[in-house]
Amino acid sequence: MTALVQPLDDTLSALGARLREGAGAQRVLREQREAADRQAREARAEAALIEEVVAYFAAVRELLKERLETSLSSIVSDGLTRVYGEPLQLVIELDDRADLPVARFRLRDERGLETELIEARGGGLVNIASFLLKVRLIMGMVPEQARVLALDEPFVNVDGVAIDAVCALLRRIAHEGGFQVIVITQRTDLSEAADLEYRFSQVEGVTEIALVRGPEEEIAQGGP
């Protein structure tokens, strides 16, 4: 009887060891699976959060883009309407191409017809629109007490019919927008916009500078 019991005990011991090993392996596998499931849940949560953040910034970007388009369009449209005496609207579309920002400009008239800005009414309108866009960008980036706008031969394509309205627009921007506007020009009709005007001339190789608008005095002459 004893001879039979001993092999059975050995078999049961071996079986118990194998069961314990199997239970341990099962526990390890279960723990690994639980860790993998936890990591998968965390990854899905992170992915969902990233999607939400991307969607949020995309919405903010679209909102800011829309506001920028509206803001730029508003001041240019108002200026063009004042100069040309009819309702004109600048339509601006901002976009990205090859990760670079691009802008498309069109002119919409009172009938709702749209024309590419570069093709609309000649270079004079483009001169004015470009000037007004520059004004708006400076207003958005520079505090009022530091706004200086230097223009070298501006409005070269603007005809004499519209120049009085352009002068009025320059004065309005300077006084209401807090700009110090410095204009270098050979057009005497454009100088009518100035509160202060200096005239430069060459006389026998000498540069003469005269104050011709403002206090009644001649301020300087000389220089090579």
Protein backbone atom coordinates (compact mmCIF):
# COMPACT_ATOMS: atom_id res chain seq x y z
CA MET A 1 0.00 0.00 0.00
CA THR A 2 2.80 2.35 0.87
CA ALA A 3 4.46 1.76 -2.50
CA LEU A 4 1.31 2.93 -4.22
CA VAL A 5 0.82 6.08 -2.13
CA GLN A 6 4.25 7.55 -2.69
CA PRO A 7 4.02 7.84 -6.53
CA LEU A 8 0.54 9.27 -6.13
CA ASP A 9 1.81 11.90 -3.70
CA ASP A 10 4.59 12.76 -6.11
CA THR A 11 2.11 13.06 -8.94
CA LEU A 12 -0.19 15.26 -6.89
CA SER A 13 2.73 17.45 -5.82
CA ALA A 14 3.88 17.84 -9.40
CA LEU A 15 0.35 18.62 -10.50
CA GLY A 16 -0.02 21.17 -7.70
CA ALA A 17 3.26 22.80 -8.73
CA ARG A 18 2.13 22.96 -12.32
CA LEU A 19 -1.22 24.42 -11.24
CA ARG A 20 0.55 27.00 -9.13
CA GLU A 21 2.85 27.82 -12.04
CA GLY A 22 -0.15 28.06 -14.34
CA ALA A 23 -1.98 30.29 -11.86
CA GLY A 24 1.10 32.47 -11.55
CA ALA A 25 1.47 32.68 -15.31
CA GLN A 26 -2.23 33.42 -15.62
CA ARG A 27 -1.91 36.17 -13.01
CA VAL A 28 1.06 37.64 -14.87
CA LEU A 29 -0.82 37.51 -18.15
CA ARG A 30 -3.88 39.07 -16.53
CA GLU A 31 -1.75 41.84 -15.05
CA GLN A 32 -0.06 42.41 -18.41
CA ARG A 33 -3.43 42.49 -20.16
CA GLU A 34 -4.80 44.92 -17.58
CA ALA A 35 -1.71 47.13 -18.02
CA ALA A 36 -2.11 46.99 -21.79
CA ASP A 37 -5.81 47.83 -21.49
CA ARG A 38 -4.97 50.71 -19.16
CA GLN A 39 -2.34 52.03 -21.56
CA ALA A 40 -4.78 51.69 -24.46
CA ARG A 41 -7.42 53.66 -22.52
CA GLU A 42 -4.90 56.32 -21.64
CA ALA A 43 -3.73 56.50 -25.27
CA ARG A 44 -7.33 56.83 -26.47
CA ALA A 45 -7.98 59.54 -23.89
CA GLU A 46 -4.83 61.41 -24.95
CA ALA A 47 -5.79 61.08 -28.61
CA ALA A 48 -9.28 62.40 -27.85
CA LEU A 49 -7.78 65.30 -25.91
CA ILE A 50 -5.39 66.11 -28.76
CA GLU A 51 -8.29 66.05 -31.20
CA GLU A 52 -10.23 68.43 -28.97
CA VAL A 53 -7.24 70.78 -28.67
CA VAL A 54 -6.66 70.71 -32.43
CA ALA A 55 -10.34 71.37 -33.05
CA TYR A 56 -10.30 74.21 -30.51
CA PHE A 57 -7.28 75.90 -32.09
CA ALA A 58 -8.74 75.38 -35.56
CA ALA A 59 -11.94 77.09 -34.41
CA VAL A 60 -9.98 79.93 -32.79
CA ARG A 61 -7.86 80.29 -35.92
CA GLU A 62 -10.95 80.48 -38.11
CA LEU A 63 -12.51 83.01 -35.74
CA LEU A 64 -9.38 85.16 -35.67
CA LYS A 65 -8.98 84.82 -39.43
CA GLU A 66 -12.58 85.91 -39.92
CA ARG A 67 -12.10 88.86 -37.57
CA LEU A 68 -8.88 89.86 -39.32
CA GLU A 69 -10.53 89.64 -42.73
CA THR A 70 -13.47 91.72 -41.47
CA SER A 71 -11.22 94.27 -39.78
CA LEU A 72 -8.97 94.73 -42.81
CA SER A 73 -11.92 94.82 -45.18
CA SER A 74 -13.79 97.38 -43.09
CA ILE A 75 -11.18 100.15 -43.07
CA VAL A 76 -10.21 99.65 -46.73
CA SER A 77 -13.83 99.54 -47.89
CA ASP A 78 -14.64 102.71 -45.94
CA GLY A 79 -11.63 104.53 -47.39
CA LEU A 80 -12.35 103.47 -50.97
CA THR A 81 -15.99 104.49 -50.60
CA ARG A 82 -14.95 107.92 -49.34
CA VAL A 83 -12.50 108.46 -52.17
CA TYR A 84 -14.65 107.21 -55.04
CA GLY A 85 -18.02 108.35 -53.71
CA GLU A 86 -19.78 105.01 -54.20
CA PRO A 87 -20.17 101.84 -52.13
CA LEU A 88 -17.07 99.71 -52.65
CA GLN A 89 -16.14 96.69 -50.56
CA LEU A 90 -12.80 94.96 -50.39
CA VAL A 91 -13.30 91.20 -50.06
CA ILE A 92 -10.34 89.48 -48.40
CA GLU A 93 -9.78 85.73 -48.21
CA LEU A 94 -6.88 84.47 -46.09
CA ASP A 95 -5.63 80.93 -46.64
CA ASP A 96 -2.58 78.67 -46.35
CA ARG A 97 -0.71 77.15 -49.26
CA ALA A 98 2.26 74.90 -48.64
CA ASP A 99 2.22 76.10 -45.00
CA LEU A 100 2.56 79.73 -46.15
CA PRO A 101 -0.15 82.35 -45.57
CA VAL A 102 -1.65 83.82 -48.72
CA ALA A 103 -4.35 86.42 -49.30
CA ARG A 104 -6.74 87.03 -52.16
CA PHE A 105 -8.23 90.49 -52.69
CA ARG A 106 -11.34 91.28 -54.71
CA LEU A 107 -13.39 94.43 -55.15
CA ARG A 108 -17.18 94.22 -54.84
CA ASP A 109 -19.26 97.11 -56.19
CA GLU A 110 -22.77 98.22 -55.26
CA ARG A 111 -24.25 95.76 -57.76
CA GLY A 112 -22.49 92.86 -56.03
CA LEU A 113 -20.11 92.29 -58.92
CA GLU A 114 -16.61 91.20 -57.91
CA THR A 115 -13.32 91.90 -59.69
CA GLU A 116 -9.79 90.93 -58.77
CA LEU A 117 -8.33 93.98 -57.05
CA ILE A 118 -5.30 94.15 -59.32
CA GLU A 119 -7.67 94.38 -62.31
CA ALA A 120 -10.13 96.86 -60.78
CA ARG A 121 -10.14 100.46 -62.02
CA GLY A 122 -6.43 100.76 -62.60
CA GLY A 123 -3.46 101.31 -60.35
CA GLY A 124 -4.91 104.25 -58.45
CA LEU A 125 -7.36 102.08 -56.55
CA VAL A 126 -4.60 99.56 -55.80
CA ASN A 127 -2.43 102.43 -54.46
CA ILE A 128 -5.17 103.51 -52.07
CA ALA A 129 -6.11 99.98 -50.97
CA SER A 130 -2.46 99.12 -50.30
CA PHE A 131 -2.04 102.30 -48.27
CA LEU A 132 -5.15 101.57 -46.18
CA LEU A 133 -4.06 97.99 -45.50
CA LYS A 134 -0.74 99.32 -44.23
CA VAL A 135 -2.57 101.79 -42.00
CA ARG A 136 -4.75 99.04 -40.51
CA LEU A 137 -1.80 96.76 -39.80
CA ILE A 138 0.10 99.56 -38.07
CA MET A 139 -2.98 100.39 -35.98
CA GLY A 140 -3.09 96.77 -34.83
CA MET A 141 0.59 96.53 -33.91
CA VAL A 142 1.76 99.99 -32.82
CA PRO A 143 0.39 102.08 -29.91
CA GLU A 144 -1.15 105.40 -30.91
CA GLN A 145 1.63 107.55 -29.46
CA ALA A 146 4.23 105.79 -31.66
CA ARG A 147 2.43 105.60 -35.02
CA VAL A 148 4.57 106.99 -37.83
CA LEU A 149 3.72 106.41 -41.47
CA ALA A 150 6.37 107.35 -44.06
CA LEU A 151 5.20 107.43 -47.69
CA ASP A 152 7.61 107.87 -50.60
CA GLU A 153 5.83 109.05 -53.74
CA PRO A 154 2.48 107.50 -52.79
CA PHE A 155 -0.65 107.49 -54.95
CA VAL A 156 1.33 107.89 -58.18
CA ASN A 157 -1.53 106.35 -60.16
CA VAL A 158 -4.35 108.32 -58.53
CA ASP A 159 -5.77 110.88 -60.93
CA GLY A 160 -6.42 114.51 -60.10
CA VAL A 161 -10.16 113.93 -59.77
CA ALA A 162 -9.71 111.71 -56.72
CA ILE A 163 -6.71 113.43 -55.14
CA ASP A 164 -8.78 115.88 -53.06
CA ALA A 165 -10.60 112.95 -51.47
CA VAL A 166 -7.26 111.24 -50.87
CA CYS A 167 -5.97 114.39 -49.12
CA ALA A 168 -9.07 114.41 -46.91
CA LEU A 169 -8.50 110.72 -46.15
CA LEU A 170 -4.87 111.38 -45.17
CA ARG A 171 -5.91 114.18 -42.81
CA ARG A 172 -8.61 112.01 -41.23
CA ILE A 173 -6.21 109.10 -40.66
CA ALA A 174 -3.58 111.41 -39.17
CA HIS A 175 -5.98 113.17 -36.81
CA GLU A 176 -8.30 110.31 -35.83
CA GLY A 177 -5.78 107.45 -35.95
CA GLY A 178 -3.01 109.30 -34.13
CA PHE A 179 -0.59 108.99 -37.02
CA GLN A 180 2.31 111.22 -37.85
CA VAL A 181 2.29 110.97 -41.64
CA ILE A 182 5.42 111.93 -43.56
CA VAL A 183 4.95 112.20 -47.32
CA ILE A 184 7.74 112.66 -49.86
CA THR A 185 6.22 113.69 -53.17
CA GLN A 186 6.59 115.84 -56.24
CA ARG A 187 2.82 116.29 -56.49
CA THR A 188 1.86 119.74 -55.29
CA ASP A 189 -1.82 118.74 -55.20
CA LEU A 190 -1.04 116.00 -52.66
CA SER A 191 0.81 118.46 -50.44
CA GLU A 192 -2.55 120.13 -49.77
CA ALA A 193 -3.15 117.44 -47.15
CA ALA A 194 -0.21 118.64 -45.05
CA ASP A 195 -0.35 120.71 -41.90
CA LEU A 196 3.36 121.35 -42.34
CA GLU A 197 5.13 121.43 -45.71
CA TYR A 198 8.81 121.71 -46.56
CA ARG A 199 10.00 122.26 -50.09
CA PHE A 200 13.42 121.08 -51.27
CA SER A 201 15.10 122.57 -54.31
CA GLN A 202 18.54 122.68 -55.93
CA VAL A 203 20.00 126.10 -56.72
CA GLU A 204 23.49 126.11 -58.24
CA GLY A 205 24.36 122.85 -56.52
CA VAL A 206 23.04 123.98 -53.15
CA THR A 207 20.02 122.33 -51.54
CA GLU A 208 17.52 124.83 -50.27
CA ILE A 209 14.86 123.84 -47.75
CA ALA A 210 11.93 126.17 -47.22
CA LEU A 211 8.96 125.90 -44.91
CA VAL A 212 6.02 126.77 -47.17
CA ARG A 213 3.09 125.60 -45.06
CA GLY A 214 2.89 126.27 -41.35
CA PRO A 215 4.60 129.19 -39.58
CA GLU A 216 5.51 131.92 -42.06
CA GLU A 217 9.26 131.51 -42.02
CA GLU A 218 12.07 130.10 -44.11
CA ILE A 219 13.88 127.58 -41.97
CA ALA A 220 17.14 126.61 -43.62
CA GLN A 221 19.18 126.41 -46.73
CA GLY A 222 22.54 124.92 -47.59
CA GLY A 223 24.29 121.62 -47.86
CA PRO A 224 25.98 119.98 -50.80
